[in-house]
Amino acid sequence: MRFLMMHRIDERDPQAWNPSPEFIEKMGAFVQESAEKGILITAEGVHKTDKGALVRKPRGAAIRVTDGPFAEAKEVIGGFALINAADRAEAVEFASRYAELFDLEIEVEVRQVVEFEDLQQG
């Protein structure tokens, strides 16, 4: 099964956007080990919301685009990872190990990816 992990951080925390060399080394080793074991498919960090946009499509209405930064946002997505795991418990354990790498407040949301087979009726 595949799971998407999205980590949220406080956008106002400067440490969240300026990783130390030690953190980069620790995260690099974790990513390499996880990829070699076939757990990690991909993982990326993202820029602050000032480099982003929000696209909204209300039902029955036209699309609206709002450029960042998003003043109402405190916790924002700081990055994501797509992983292979046998089940939800294994994905949560991996997310916990991932969260331990950070020396700041972080929240990791774990969501199972819908596979094509899940959509088959039968």
PDB file of N, CA and C in Angstrom:
ATOM      1  N   MET A   1       0.837  -1.182   0.000  1.00  0.00           N
ATOM      2  CA  MET A   1       0.000   0.000   0.000  1.00  0.00           C
ATOM      3  C   MET A   1       0.879   1.242   0.000  1.00  0.00           C
ATOM      4  N   ARG A   2       0.332   2.290  -0.617  1.00  0.00           N
ATOM      5  CA  ARG A   2       1.050   3.552  -0.588  1.00  0.00           C
ATOM      6  C   ARG A   2       0.348   4.523   0.358  1.00  0.00           C
ATOM      7  N   PHE A   3       1.162   5.338   1.011  1.00  0.00           N
ATOM      8  CA  PHE A   3       0.645   6.344   1.934  1.00  0.00           C
ATOM      9  C   PHE A   3       1.322   7.670   1.634  1.00  0.00           C
ATOM     10  N   LEU A   4       0.541   8.742   1.736  1.00  0.00           N
ATOM     11  CA  LEU A   4       1.058  10.088   1.583  1.00  0.00           C
ATOM     12  C   LEU A   4       1.218  10.680   2.976  1.00  0.00           C
ATOM     13  N   MET A   5       2.386  11.208   3.242  1.00  0.00           N
ATOM     14  CA  MET A   5       2.653  11.909   4.501  1.00  0.00           C
ATOM     15  C   MET A   5       2.844  13.381   4.170  1.00  0.00           C
ATOM     16  N   MET A   6       2.116  14.236   4.850  1.00  0.00           N
ATOM     17  CA  MET A   6       2.286  15.679   4.681  1.00  0.00           C
ATOM     18  C   MET A   6       2.651  16.242   6.044  1.00  0.00           C
ATOM     19  N   HIS A   7       3.776  16.944   6.108  1.00  0.00           N
ATOM     20  CA  HIS A   7       4.115  17.507   7.408  1.00  0.00           C
ATOM     21  C   HIS A   7       3.796  18.993   7.440  1.00  0.00           C
ATOM     22  N   ARG A   8       3.191  19.383   8.561  1.00  0.00           N
ATOM     23  CA  ARG A   8       2.808  20.775   8.779  1.00  0.00           C
ATOM     24  C   ARG A   8       3.720  21.375   9.829  1.00  0.00           C
ATOM     25  N   ILE A   9       4.089  22.624   9.572  1.00  0.00           N
ATOM     26  CA  ILE A   9       4.943  23.361  10.487  1.00  0.00           C
ATOM     27  C   ILE A   9       4.389  24.767  10.659  1.00  0.00           C
ATOM     28  N   ASP A  10       4.880  25.444  11.669  1.00  0.00           N
ATOM     29  CA  ASP A  10       4.477  26.830  11.917  1.00  0.00           C
ATOM     30  C   ASP A  10       5.246  27.709  10.947  1.00  0.00           C
ATOM     31  N   GLU A  11       4.537  28.360  10.037  1.00  0.00           N
ATOM     32  CA  GLU A  11       5.203  29.165   9.009  1.00  0.00           C
ATOM     33  C   GLU A  11       5.992  30.322   9.615  1.00  0.00           C
ATOM     34  N   ARG A  12       5.628  30.738  10.816  1.00  0.00           N
ATOM     35  CA  ARG A  12       6.313  31.876  11.448  1.00  0.00           C
ATOM     36  C   ARG A  12       7.610  31.467  12.140  1.00  0.00           C
ATOM     37  N   ASP A  13       7.886  30.179  12.244  1.00  0.00           N
ATOM     38  CA  ASP A  13       9.088  29.692  12.918  1.00  0.00           C
ATOM     39  C   ASP A  13      10.267  29.731  11.947  1.00  0.00           C
ATOM     40  N   PRO A  14      11.229  30.647  12.145  1.00  0.00           N
ATOM     41  CA  PRO A  14      12.358  30.760  11.205  1.00  0.00           C
ATOM     42  C   PRO A  14      13.167  29.469  11.077  1.00  0.00           C
ATOM     43  N   GLN A  15      13.240  28.697  12.161  1.00  0.00           N
ATOM     44  CA  GLN A  15      14.009  27.453  12.137  1.00  0.00           C
ATOM     45  C   GLN A  15      13.410  26.460  11.127  1.00  0.00           C
ATOM     46  N   ALA A  16      12.105  26.543  10.905  1.00  0.00           N
ATOM     47  CA  ALA A  16      11.440  25.619   9.989  1.00  0.00           C
ATOM     48  C   ALA A  16      11.895  25.830   8.548  1.00  0.00           C
ATOM     49  N   TRP A  17      12.351  27.019   8.226  1.00  0.00           N
ATOM     50  CA  TRP A  17      12.706  27.361   6.852  1.00  0.00           C
ATOM     51  C   TRP A  17      14.212  27.522   6.651  1.00  0.00           C
ATOM     52  N   ASN A  18      14.976  27.357   7.708  1.00  0.00           N
ATOM     53  CA  ASN A  18      16.435  27.481   7.634  1.00  0.00           C
ATOM     54  C   ASN A  18      17.073  26.282   8.329  1.00  0.00           C
ATOM     55  N   PRO A  19      17.013  25.112   7.700  1.00  0.00           N
ATOM     56  CA  PRO A  19      17.537  23.917   8.360  1.00  0.00           C
ATOM     57  C   PRO A  19      19.039  23.999   8.589  1.00  0.00           C
ATOM     58  N   SER A  20      19.444  23.457   9.718  1.00  0.00           N
ATOM     59  CA  SER A  20      20.866  23.429  10.059  1.00  0.00           C
ATOM     60  C   SER A  20      21.586  22.380   9.218  1.00  0.00           C
ATOM     61  N   PRO A  21      22.904  22.500   9.082  1.00  0.00           N
ATOM     62  CA  PRO A  21      23.663  21.469   8.365  1.00  0.00           C
ATOM     63  C   PRO A  21      23.498  20.087   9.014  1.00  0.00           C
ATOM     64  N   GLU A  22      23.363  20.058  10.332  1.00  0.00           N
ATOM     65  CA  GLU A  22      23.177  18.780  11.036  1.00  0.00           C
ATOM     66  C   GLU A  22      21.845  18.145  10.645  1.00  0.00           C
ATOM     67  N   PHE A  23      20.800  18.964  10.577  1.00  0.00           N
ATOM     68  CA  PHE A  23      19.487  18.447  10.187  1.00  0.00           C
ATOM     69  C   PHE A  23      19.528  17.927   8.751  1.00  0.00           C
ATOM     70  N   ILE A  24      20.134  18.678   7.868  1.00  0.00           N
ATOM     71  CA  ILE A  24      20.216  18.266   6.461  1.00  0.00           C
ATOM     72  C   ILE A  24      20.945  16.926   6.345  1.00  0.00           C
ATOM     73  N   GLU A  25      22.014  16.762   7.099  1.00  0.00           N
ATOM     74  CA  GLU A  25      22.757  15.495   7.083  1.00  0.00           C
ATOM     75  C   GLU A  25      21.909  14.349   7.637  1.00  0.00           C
ATOM     76  N   LYS A  26      21.236  14.604   8.750  1.00  0.00           N
ATOM     77  CA  LYS A  26      20.390  13.586   9.383  1.00  0.00           C
ATOM     78  C   LYS A  26      19.236  13.195   8.450  1.00  0.00           C
ATOM     79  N   MET A  27      18.589  14.185   7.837  1.00  0.00           N
ATOM     80  CA  MET A  27      17.473  13.909   6.930  1.00  0.00           C
ATOM     81  C   MET A  27      17.973  13.182   5.677  1.00  0.00           C
ATOM     82  N   GLY A  28      19.119  13.581   5.161  1.00  0.00           N
ATOM     83  CA  GLY A  28      19.685  12.913   3.993  1.00  0.00           C
ATOM     84  C   GLY A  28      19.942  11.439   4.238  1.00  0.00           C
ATOM     85  N   ALA A  29      20.488  11.116   5.402  1.00  0.00           N
ATOM     86  CA  ALA A  29      20.749   9.716   5.745  1.00  0.00           C
ATOM     87  C   ALA A  29      19.439   8.934   5.876  1.00  0.00           C
ATOM     88  N   PHE A  30      18.453   9.551   6.501  1.00  0.00           N
ATOM     89  CA  PHE A  30      17.146   8.913   6.673  1.00  0.00           C
ATOM     90  C   PHE A  30      16.494   8.647   5.318  1.00  0.00           C
ATOM     91  N   VAL A  31      16.532   9.619   4.430  1.00  0.00           N
ATOM     92  CA  VAL A  31      15.944   9.490   3.098  1.00  0.00           C
ATOM     93  C   VAL A  31      16.664   8.392   2.318  1.00  0.00           C
ATOM     94  N   GLN A  32      17.981   8.398   2.345  1.00  0.00           N
ATOM     95  CA  GLN A  32      18.742   7.390   1.607  1.00  0.00           C
ATOM     96  C   GLN A  32      18.438   5.983   2.131  1.00  0.00           C
ATOM     97  N   GLU A  33      18.464   5.813   3.441  1.00  0.00           N
ATOM     98  CA  GLU A  33      18.181   4.505   4.037  1.00  0.00           C
ATOM     99  C   GLU A  33      16.767   4.038   3.689  1.00  0.00           C
ATOM    100  N   SER A  34      15.795   4.939   3.785  1.00  0.00           N
ATOM    101  CA  SER A  34      14.400   4.586   3.505  1.00  0.00           C
ATOM    102  C   SER A  34      14.191   4.237   2.038  1.00  0.00           C
ATOM    103  N   ALA A  35      14.863   4.945   1.157  1.00  0.00           N
ATOM    104  CA  ALA A  35      14.761   4.654  -0.280  1.00  0.00           C
ATOM    105  C   ALA A  35      15.403   3.303  -0.597  1.00  0.00           C
ATOM    106  N   GLU A  36      16.566   3.040  -0.011  1.00  0.00           N
ATOM    107  CA  GLU A  36      17.255   1.771  -0.254  1.00  0.00           C
ATOM    108  C   GLU A  36      16.437   0.583   0.239  1.00  0.00           C
ATOM    109  N   LYS A  37      15.654   0.776   1.299  1.00  0.00           N
ATOM    110  CA  LYS A  37      14.808  -0.293   1.837  1.00  0.00           C
ATOM    111  C   LYS A  37      13.499  -0.437   1.065  1.00  0.00           C
ATOM    112  N   GLY A  38      13.256   0.457   0.099  1.00  0.00           N
ATOM    113  CA  GLY A  38      12.040   0.380  -0.700  1.00  0.00           C
ATOM    114  C   GLY A  38      10.812   0.974  -0.026  1.00  0.00           C
ATOM    115  N   ILE A  39      11.025   1.698   1.063  1.00  0.00           N
ATOM    116  CA  ILE A  39       9.902   2.331   1.769  1.00  0.00           C
ATOM    117  C   ILE A  39       9.568   3.662   1.127  1.00  0.00           C
ATOM    118  N   LEU A  40      10.572   4.495   0.932  1.00  0.00           N
ATOM    119  CA  LEU A  40      10.362   5.842   0.422  1.00  0.00           C
ATOM    120  C   LEU A  40      10.308   5.854  -1.097  1.00  0.00           C
ATOM    121  N   ILE A  41       9.230   6.390  -1.646  1.00  0.00           N
ATOM    122  CA  ILE A  41       9.091   6.552  -3.090  1.00  0.00           C
ATOM    123  C   ILE A  41       9.633   7.916  -3.493  1.00  0.00           C
ATOM    124  N   THR A  42       9.192   8.964  -2.799  1.00  0.00           N
ATOM    125  CA  THR A  42       9.676  10.324  -3.041  1.00  0.00           C
ATOM    126  C   THR A  42       9.393  11.171  -1.810  1.00  0.00           C
ATOM    127  N   ALA A  43      10.176  12.212  -1.648  1.00  0.00           N
ATOM    128  CA  ALA A  43       9.958  13.150  -0.548  1.00  0.00           C
ATOM    129  C   ALA A  43      10.529  14.497  -0.959  1.00  0.00           C
ATOM    130  N   GLU A  44       9.806  15.549  -0.621  1.00  0.00           N
ATOM    131  CA  GLU A  44      10.243  16.901  -0.965  1.00  0.00           C
ATOM    132  C   GLU A  44       9.783  17.875   0.099  1.00  0.00           C
ATOM    133  N   GLY A  45      10.560  18.913   0.290  1.00  0.00           N
ATOM    134  CA  GLY A  45      10.120  20.050   1.077  1.00  0.00           C
ATOM    135  C   GLY A  45       9.536  21.078   0.121  1.00  0.00           C
ATOM    136  N   VAL A  46       8.777  22.019   0.662  1.00  0.00           N
ATOM    137  CA  VAL A  46       8.201  23.062  -0.175  1.00  0.00           C
ATOM    138  C   VAL A  46       8.568  24.430   0.393  1.00  0.00           C
ATOM    139  N   HIS A  47       8.494  25.454  -0.465  1.00  0.00           N
ATOM    140  CA  HIS A  47       8.771  26.820  -0.041  1.00  0.00           C
ATOM    141  C   HIS A  47       7.620  27.362   0.798  1.00  0.00           C
ATOM    142  N   LYS A  48       7.885  28.473   1.471  1.00  0.00           N
ATOM    143  CA  LYS A  48       6.856  29.165   2.240  1.00  0.00           C
ATOM    144  C   LYS A  48       5.706  29.569   1.319  1.00  0.00           C
ATOM    145  N   THR A  49       4.579  29.932   1.925  1.00  0.00           N
ATOM    146  CA  THR A  49       3.391  30.235   1.123  1.00  0.00           C
ATOM    147  C   THR A  49       3.543  31.475   0.263  1.00  0.00           C
ATOM    148  N   ASP A  50       4.551  32.317   0.528  1.00  0.00           N
ATOM    149  CA  ASP A  50       4.716  33.500  -0.316  1.00  0.00           C
ATOM    150  C   ASP A  50       5.127  33.128  -1.738  1.00  0.00           C
ATOM    151  N   LYS A  51       5.538  31.881  -1.946  1.00  0.00           N
ATOM    152  CA  LYS A  51       5.899  31.407  -3.281  1.00  0.00           C
ATOM    153  C   LYS A  51       4.781  30.571  -3.892  1.00  0.00           C
ATOM    154  N   GLY A  52       3.631  30.509  -3.213  1.00  0.00           N
ATOM    155  CA  GLY A  52       2.555  29.646  -3.668  1.00  0.00           C
ATOM    156  C   GLY A  52       1.300  30.389  -4.061  1.00  0.00           C
ATOM    157  N   ALA A  53       0.293  29.617  -4.386  1.00  0.00           N
ATOM    158  CA  ALA A  53      -1.019  30.146  -4.736  1.00  0.00           C
ATOM    159  C   ALA A  53      -2.066  29.147  -4.260  1.00  0.00           C
ATOM    160  N   LEU A  54      -3.253  29.646  -4.035  1.00  0.00           N
ATOM    161  CA  LEU A  54      -4.375  28.805  -3.647  1.00  0.00           C
ATOM    162  C   LEU A  54      -5.426  28.911  -4.742  1.00  0.00           C
ATOM    163  N   VAL A  55      -5.790  27.781  -5.332  1.00  0.00           N
ATOM    164  CA  VAL A  55      -6.793  27.738  -6.392  1.00  0.00           C
ATOM    165  C   VAL A  55      -8.060  27.154  -5.787  1.00  0.00           C
ATOM    166  N   ARG A  56      -9.158  27.914  -5.847  1.00  0.00           N
ATOM    167  CA  ARG A  56     -10.445  27.470  -5.291  1.00  0.00           C
ATOM    168  C   ARG A  56     -11.473  27.368  -6.408  1.00  0.00           C
ATOM    169  N   LYS A  57     -12.264  26.314  -6.366  1.00  0.00           N
ATOM    170  CA  LYS A  57     -13.351  26.121  -7.315  1.00  0.00           C
ATOM    171  C   LYS A  57     -14.603  25.811  -6.508  1.00  0.00           C
ATOM    172  N   PRO A  58     -15.348  26.848  -6.102  1.00  0.00           N
ATOM    173  CA  PRO A  58     -16.611  26.595  -5.407  1.00  0.00           C
ATOM    174  C   PRO A  58     -17.592  25.899  -6.350  1.00  0.00           C
ATOM    175  N   ARG A  59     -18.467  25.099  -5.791  1.00  0.00           N
ATOM    176  CA  ARG A  59     -19.457  24.393  -6.608  1.00  0.00           C
ATOM    177  C   ARG A  59     -20.308  25.405  -7.358  1.00  0.00           C
ATOM    178  N   GLY A  60     -20.381  25.242  -8.673  1.00  0.00           N
ATOM    179  CA  GLY A  60     -21.207  26.099  -9.501  1.00  0.00           C
ATOM    180  C   GLY A  60     -20.658  27.505  -9.708  1.00  0.00           C
ATOM    181  N   ALA A  61     -19.415  27.731  -9.346  1.00  0.00           N
ATOM    182  CA  ALA A  61     -18.838  29.074  -9.478  1.00  0.00           C
ATOM    183  C   ALA A  61     -17.517  28.999 -10.231  1.00  0.00           C
ATOM    184  N   ALA A  62     -17.012  30.152 -10.580  1.00  0.00           N
ATOM    185  CA  ALA A  62     -15.746  30.235 -11.311  1.00  0.00           C
ATOM    186  C   ALA A  62     -14.561  29.984 -10.393  1.00  0.00           C
ATOM    187  N   ILE A  63     -13.471  29.566 -10.979  1.00  0.00           N
ATOM    188  CA  ILE A  63     -12.229  29.349 -10.241  1.00  0.00           C
ATOM    189  C   ILE A  63     -11.678  30.685  -9.770  1.00  0.00           C
ATOM    190  N   ARG A  64     -11.179  30.695  -8.531  1.00  0.00           N
ATOM    191  CA  ARG A  64     -10.534  31.881  -7.965  1.00  0.00           C
ATOM    192  C   ARG A  64      -9.120  31.498  -7.551  1.00  0.00           C
ATOM    193  N   VAL A  65      -8.179  32.373  -7.847  1.00  0.00           N
ATOM    194  CA  VAL A  65      -6.781  32.139  -7.487  1.00  0.00           C
ATOM    195  C   VAL A  65      -6.340  33.237  -6.529  1.00  0.00           C
ATOM    196  N   THR A  66      -5.735  32.814  -5.409  1.00  0.00           N
ATOM    197  CA  THR A  66      -5.199  33.750  -4.428  1.00  0.00           C
ATOM    198  C   THR A  66      -3.705  33.498  -4.319  1.00  0.00           C
ATOM    199  N   ASP A  67      -2.903  34.520  -4.543  1.00  0.00           N
ATOM    200  CA  ASP A  67      -1.452  34.385  -4.399  1.00  0.00           C
ATOM    201  C   ASP A  67      -1.078  34.426  -2.927  1.00  0.00           C
ATOM    202  N   GLY A  68      -0.018  33.683  -2.558  1.00  0.00           N
ATOM    203  CA  GLY A  68       0.482  33.703  -1.193  1.00  0.00           C
ATOM    204  C   GLY A  68       1.232  34.987  -0.930  1.00  0.00           C
ATOM    205  N   PRO A  69       1.579  35.302   0.299  1.00  0.00           N
ATOM    206  CA  PRO A  69       1.356  34.471   1.486  1.00  0.00           C
ATOM    207  C   PRO A  69      -0.092  34.511   1.938  1.00  0.00           C
ATOM    208  N   PHE A  70      -0.453  33.506   2.707  1.00  0.00           N
ATOM    209  CA  PHE A  70      -1.815  33.371   3.193  1.00  0.00           C
ATOM    210  C   PHE A  70      -1.860  33.800   4.649  1.00  0.00           C
ATOM    211  N   ALA A  71      -2.342  34.993   4.887  1.00  0.00           N
ATOM    212  CA  ALA A  71      -2.316  35.599   6.216  1.00  0.00           C
ATOM    213  C   ALA A  71      -3.017  34.748   7.266  1.00  0.00           C
ATOM    214  N   GLU A  72      -4.074  34.038   6.856  1.00  0.00           N
ATOM    215  CA  GLU A  72      -4.824  33.258   7.839  1.00  0.00           C
ATOM    216  C   GLU A  72      -4.124  31.955   8.228  1.00  0.00           C
ATOM    217  N   ALA A  73      -3.085  31.582   7.501  1.00  0.00           N
ATOM    218  CA  ALA A  73      -2.417  30.311   7.752  1.00  0.00           C
ATOM    219  C   ALA A  73      -1.370  30.455   8.854  1.00  0.00           C
ATOM    220  N   LYS A  74      -1.422  29.561   9.824  1.00  0.00           N
ATOM    221  CA  LYS A  74      -0.364  29.476  10.828  1.00  0.00           C
ATOM    222  C   LYS A  74       0.435  28.211  10.520  1.00  0.00           C
ATOM    223  N   GLU A  75      -0.243  27.074  10.588  1.00  0.00           N
ATOM    224  CA  GLU A  75       0.408  25.820  10.245  1.00  0.00           C
ATOM    225  C   GLU A  75       0.228  25.583   8.755  1.00  0.00           C
ATOM    226  N   VAL A  76       1.338  25.341   8.069  1.00  0.00           N
ATOM    227  CA  VAL A  76       1.311  25.134   6.632  1.00  0.00           C
ATOM    228  C   VAL A  76       2.060  23.850   6.285  1.00  0.00           C
ATOM    229  N   ILE A  77       1.791  23.331   5.110  1.00  0.00           N
ATOM    230  CA  ILE A  77       2.513  22.143   4.662  1.00  0.00           C
ATOM    231  C   ILE A  77       3.947  22.543   4.365  1.00  0.00           C
ATOM    232  N   GLY A  78       4.881  21.865   5.000  1.00  0.00           N
ATOM    233  CA  GLY A  78       6.300  22.129   4.811  1.00  0.00           C
ATOM    234  C   GLY A  78       6.951  21.138   3.872  1.00  0.00           C
ATOM    235  N   GLY A  79       6.252  20.035   3.609  1.00  0.00           N
ATOM    236  CA  GLY A  79       6.784  19.027   2.716  1.00  0.00           C
ATOM    237  C   GLY A  79       5.902  17.801   2.701  1.00  0.00           C
ATOM    238  N   PHE A  80       6.295  16.837   1.886  1.00  0.00           N
ATOM    239  CA  PHE A  80       5.503  15.617   1.758  1.00  0.00           C
ATOM    240  C   PHE A  80       6.420  14.454   1.442  1.00  0.00           C
ATOM    241  N   ALA A  81       5.897  13.267   1.655  1.00  0.00           N
ATOM    242  CA  ALA A  81       6.599  12.042   1.278  1.00  0.00           C
ATOM    243  C   ALA A  81       5.558  11.029   0.835  1.00  0.00           C
ATOM    244  N   LEU A  82       5.907  10.235  -0.145  1.00  0.00           N
ATOM    245  CA  LEU A  82       5.079   9.127  -0.593  1.00  0.00           C
ATOM    246  C   LEU A  82       5.846   7.860  -0.250  1.00  0.00           C
ATOM    247  N   ILE A  83       5.194   6.974   0.505  1.00  0.00           N
ATOM    248  CA  ILE A  83       5.892   5.780   0.988  1.00  0.00           C
ATOM    249  C   ILE A  83       5.115   4.508   0.667  1.00  0.00           C
ATOM    250  N   ASN A  84       5.828   3.390   0.725  1.00  0.00           N
ATOM    251  CA  ASN A  84       5.236   2.060   0.674  1.00  0.00           C
ATOM    252  C   ASN A  84       5.195   1.532   2.102  1.00  0.00           C
ATOM    253  N   ALA A  85       4.059   0.981   2.500  1.00  0.00           N
ATOM    254  CA  ALA A  85       3.951   0.366   3.825  1.00  0.00           C
ATOM    255  C   ALA A  85       2.952  -0.783   3.741  1.00  0.00           C
ATOM    256  N   ALA A  86       3.137  -1.763   4.590  1.00  0.00           N
ATOM    257  CA  ALA A  86       2.251  -2.926   4.589  1.00  0.00           C
ATOM    258  C   ALA A  86       0.843  -2.564   5.039  1.00  0.00           C
ATOM    259  N   ASP A  87       0.747  -1.592   5.961  1.00  0.00           N
ATOM    260  CA  ASP A  87      -0.548  -1.193   6.497  1.00  0.00           C
ATOM    261  C   ASP A  87      -0.419   0.166   7.174  1.00  0.00           C
ATOM    262  N   ARG A  88      -1.537   0.661   7.701  1.00  0.00           N
ATOM    263  CA  ARG A  88      -1.566   1.972   8.346  1.00  0.00           C
ATOM    264  C   ARG A  88      -0.613   2.037   9.531  1.00  0.00           C
ATOM    265  N   ALA A  89      -0.558   0.976  10.325  1.00  0.00           N
ATOM    266  CA  ALA A  89       0.310   0.959  11.506  1.00  0.00           C
ATOM    267  C   ALA A  89       1.778   1.154  11.105  1.00  0.00           C
ATOM    268  N   GLU A  90       2.206   0.482  10.050  1.00  0.00           N
ATOM    269  CA  GLU A  90       3.581   0.619   9.592  1.00  0.00           C
ATOM    270  C   GLU A  90       3.834   2.040   9.072  1.00  0.00           C
ATOM    271  N   ALA A  91       2.847   2.620   8.380  1.00  0.00           N
ATOM    272  CA  ALA A  91       2.981   3.988   7.873  1.00  0.00           C
ATOM    273  C   ALA A  91       3.075   4.984   9.028  1.00  0.00           C
ATOM    274  N   VAL A  92       2.283   4.786  10.064  1.00  0.00           N
ATOM    275  CA  VAL A  92       2.317   5.673  11.230  1.00  0.00           C
ATOM    276  C   VAL A  92       3.658   5.549  11.953  1.00  0.00           C
ATOM    277  N   GLU A  93       4.182   4.347  12.044  1.00  0.00           N
ATOM    278  CA  GLU A  93       5.494   4.151  12.682  1.00  0.00           C
ATOM    279  C   GLU A  93       6.566   4.886  11.899  1.00  0.00           C
ATOM    280  N   PHE A  94       6.520   4.805  10.571  1.00  0.00           N
ATOM    281  CA  PHE A  94       7.487   5.506   9.735  1.00  0.00           C
ATOM    282  C   PHE A  94       7.341   7.021   9.919  1.00  0.00           C
ATOM    283  N   ALA A  95       6.107   7.512   9.942  1.00  0.00           N
ATOM    284  CA  ALA A  95       5.853   8.944  10.144  1.00  0.00           C
ATOM    285  C   ALA A  95       6.381   9.399  11.503  1.00  0.00           C
ATOM    286  N   SER A  96       6.291   8.568  12.497  1.00  0.00           N
ATOM    287  CA  SER A  96       6.807   8.902  13.829  1.00  0.00           C
ATOM    288  C   SER A  96       8.325   9.024  13.804  1.00  0.00           C
ATOM    289  N   ARG A  97       8.994   8.100  13.124  1.00  0.00           N
ATOM    290  CA  ARG A  97      10.455   8.179  12.990  1.00  0.00           C
ATOM    291  C   ARG A  97      10.849   9.441  12.227  1.00  0.00           C
ATOM    292  N   TYR A  98      10.095   9.764  11.195  1.00  0.00           N
ATOM    293  CA  TYR A  98      10.326  10.962  10.395  1.00  0.00           C
ATOM    294  C   TYR A  98      10.180  12.217  11.267  1.00  0.00           C
ATOM    295  N   ALA A  99       9.104  12.288  12.032  1.00  0.00           N
ATOM    296  CA  ALA A  99       8.857  13.460  12.887  1.00  0.00           C
ATOM    297  C   ALA A  99       9.953  13.643  13.931  1.00  0.00           C
ATOM    298  N   GLU A 100      10.521  12.550  14.410  1.00  0.00           N
ATOM    299  CA  GLU A 100      11.594  12.622  15.413  1.00  0.00           C
ATOM    300  C   GLU A 100      12.845  13.321  14.889  1.00  0.00           C
ATOM    301  N   LEU A 101      13.006  13.381  13.575  1.00  0.00           N
ATOM    302  CA  LEU A 101      14.177  14.036  12.993  1.00  0.00           C
ATOM    303  C   LEU A 101      14.168  15.543  13.237  1.00  0.00           C
ATOM    304  N   PHE A 102      12.985  16.116  13.391  1.00  0.00           N
ATOM    305  CA  PHE A 102      12.830  17.566  13.505  1.00  0.00           C
ATOM    306  C   PHE A 102      13.009  18.030  14.945  1.00  0.00           C
ATOM    307  N   ASP A 103      13.639  19.181  15.106  1.00  0.00           N
ATOM    308  CA  ASP A 103      13.786  19.796  16.421  1.00  0.00           C
ATOM    309  C   ASP A 103      12.876  21.028  16.480  1.00  0.00           C
ATOM    310  N   LEU A 104      11.628  20.830  16.105  1.00  0.00           N
ATOM    311  CA  LEU A 104      10.626  21.885  16.151  1.00  0.00           C
ATOM    312  C   LEU A 104       9.264  21.218  16.187  1.00  0.00           C
ATOM    313  N   GLU A 105       8.244  22.020  16.456  1.00  0.00           N
ATOM    314  CA  GLU A 105       6.895  21.468  16.493  1.00  0.00           C
ATOM    315  C   GLU A 105       6.473  21.095  15.084  1.00  0.00           C
ATOM    316  N   ILE A 106       5.992  19.880  14.937  1.00  0.00           N
ATOM    317  CA  ILE A 106       5.615  19.365  13.621  1.00  0.00           C
ATOM    318  C   ILE A 106       4.420  18.437  13.765  1.00  0.00           C
ATOM    319  N   GLU A 107       3.611  18.400  12.738  1.00  0.00           N
ATOM    320  CA  GLU A 107       2.467  17.498  12.667  1.00  0.00           C
ATOM    321  C   GLU A 107       2.581  16.768  11.345  1.00  0.00           C
ATOM    322  N   VAL A 108       2.458  15.453  11.369  1.00  0.00           N
ATOM    323  CA  VAL A 108       2.543  14.657  10.144  1.00  0.00           C
ATOM    324  C   VAL A 108       1.209  13.951   9.933  1.00  0.00           C
ATOM    325  N   GLU A 109       0.549  14.291   8.837  1.00  0.00           N
ATOM    326  CA  GLU A 109      -0.709  13.638   8.479  1.00  0.00           C
ATOM    327  C   GLU A 109      -0.382  12.467   7.564  1.00  0.00           C
ATOM    328  N   VAL A 110      -0.961  11.310   7.855  1.00  0.00           N
ATOM    329  CA  VAL A 110      -0.728  10.093   7.079  1.00  0.00           C
ATOM    330  C   VAL A 110      -2.047   9.700   6.430  1.00  0.00           C
ATOM    331  N   ARG A 111      -2.050   9.592   5.095  1.00  0.00           N
ATOM    332  CA  ARG A 111      -3.268   9.251   4.357  1.00  0.00           C
ATOM    333  C   ARG A 111      -2.956   8.139   3.364  1.00  0.00           C
ATOM    334  N   GLN A 112      -3.792   7.097   3.364  1.00  0.00           N
ATOM    335  CA  GLN A 112      -3.618   6.020   2.403  1.00  0.00           C
ATOM    336  C   GLN A 112      -4.016   6.504   1.016  1.00  0.00           C
ATOM    337  N   VAL A 113      -3.213   6.171   0.023  1.00  0.00           N
ATOM    338  CA  VAL A 113      -3.470   6.536  -1.364  1.00  0.00           C
ATOM    339  C   VAL A 113      -4.532   5.585  -1.932  1.00  0.00           C
ATOM    340  N   VAL A 114      -5.479   6.129  -2.673  1.00  0.00           N
ATOM    341  CA  VAL A 114      -6.489   5.309  -3.337  1.00  0.00           C
ATOM    342  C   VAL A 114      -5.836   4.686  -4.566  1.00  0.00           C
ATOM    343  N   GLU A 115      -5.800   3.380  -4.604  1.00  0.00           N
ATOM    344  CA  GLU A 115      -5.249   2.650  -5.736  1.00  0.00           C
ATOM    345  C   GLU A 115      -6.377   2.352  -6.725  1.00  0.00           C
ATOM    346  N   PHE A 116      -6.041   2.124  -7.968  1.00  0.00           N
ATOM    347  CA  PHE A 116      -7.032   1.836  -8.994  1.00  0.00           C
ATOM    348  C   PHE A 116      -7.904   0.649  -8.581  1.00  0.00           C
ATOM    349  N   GLU A 117      -7.286  -0.362  -8.005  1.00  0.00           N
ATOM    350  CA  GLU A 117      -8.014  -1.573  -7.586  1.00  0.00           C
ATOM    351  C   GLU A 117      -9.070  -1.227  -6.544  1.00  0.00           C
ATOM    352  N   ASP A 118      -8.834  -0.185  -5.740  1.00  0.00           N
ATOM    353  CA  ASP A 118      -9.800   0.213  -4.713  1.00  0.00           C
ATOM    354  C   ASP A 118     -11.092   0.731  -5.336  1.00  0.00           C
ATOM    355  N   LEU A 119     -11.007   1.207  -6.569  1.00  0.00           N
ATOM    356  CA  LEU A 119     -12.167   1.778  -7.245  1.00  0.00           C
ATOM    357  C   LEU A 119     -12.989   0.738  -7.995  1.00  0.00           C
ATOM    358  N   GLN A 120     -12.422  -0.435  -8.145  1.00  0.00           N
ATOM    359  CA  GLN A 120     -13.124  -1.500  -8.890  1.00  0.00           C
ATOM    360  C   GLN A 120     -14.312  -2.001  -8.078  1.00  0.00           C
ATOM    361  N   GLN A 121     -15.414  -2.134  -8.750  1.00  0.00           N
ATOM    362  CA  GLN A 121     -16.608  -2.678  -8.095  1.00  0.00           C
ATOM    363  C   GLN A 121     -16.681  -4.162  -8.399  1.00  0.00           C
ATOM    364  N   GLY A 122     -17.055  -4.918  -7.418  1.00  0.00           N
ATOM    365  CA  GLY A 122     -17.123  -6.341  -7.723  1.00  0.00           C
ATOM    366  C   GLY A 122     -17.512  -7.123  -6.628  1.00  0.00           C
TER     367      GLY A 122
END
